[in-house]
Amino acid sequence: MTGRPSPGDLLVVDGRASVQFAGIRALTFRVVSVCDQPTYAGWVWLAGYVIDRAGRATARREVYVQLAGLRPAAVTPPAPTAESRHRNLCSSR
C-alpha cells in the first residue's frame, strides 16, 4: 500500500503486515482511525473493526502493522437478508 491508510479503508492484514497475522490469523480490517504518534519507520497503529466474510464487523481492534505489508481488501457486497429478498420479490411484480 502506498501512503497511510485512511478511515473507511478496507484492508487485508496478514503476515506481510506483521508476523502475528500470518496464516489463519489473517484478517480483513476496516480502519476507523490512524494513530499520529511517532513509531518505528514504516510502522503504524490502526484502530478499526475485524470484518467477517459476510461483511459484518465482529470485533474492535487496534493493530500495529507495517505500511508496506498492507493491501486493499476486495469489496464484496453483503449477503442478501431474508428481508431484502422479500423486498426484491415484491418490487418485481
Foldseek 3Di string as FASTA:
>chain_A
DPDDDDQQFWKWAAVLWPVVRHDPNIFIWGFHDWDPDDDPPQKTKTWTFTADPQRDGDDTDIDITGPVSMDGDDDDHGDDDPVVVVVVVVVVD
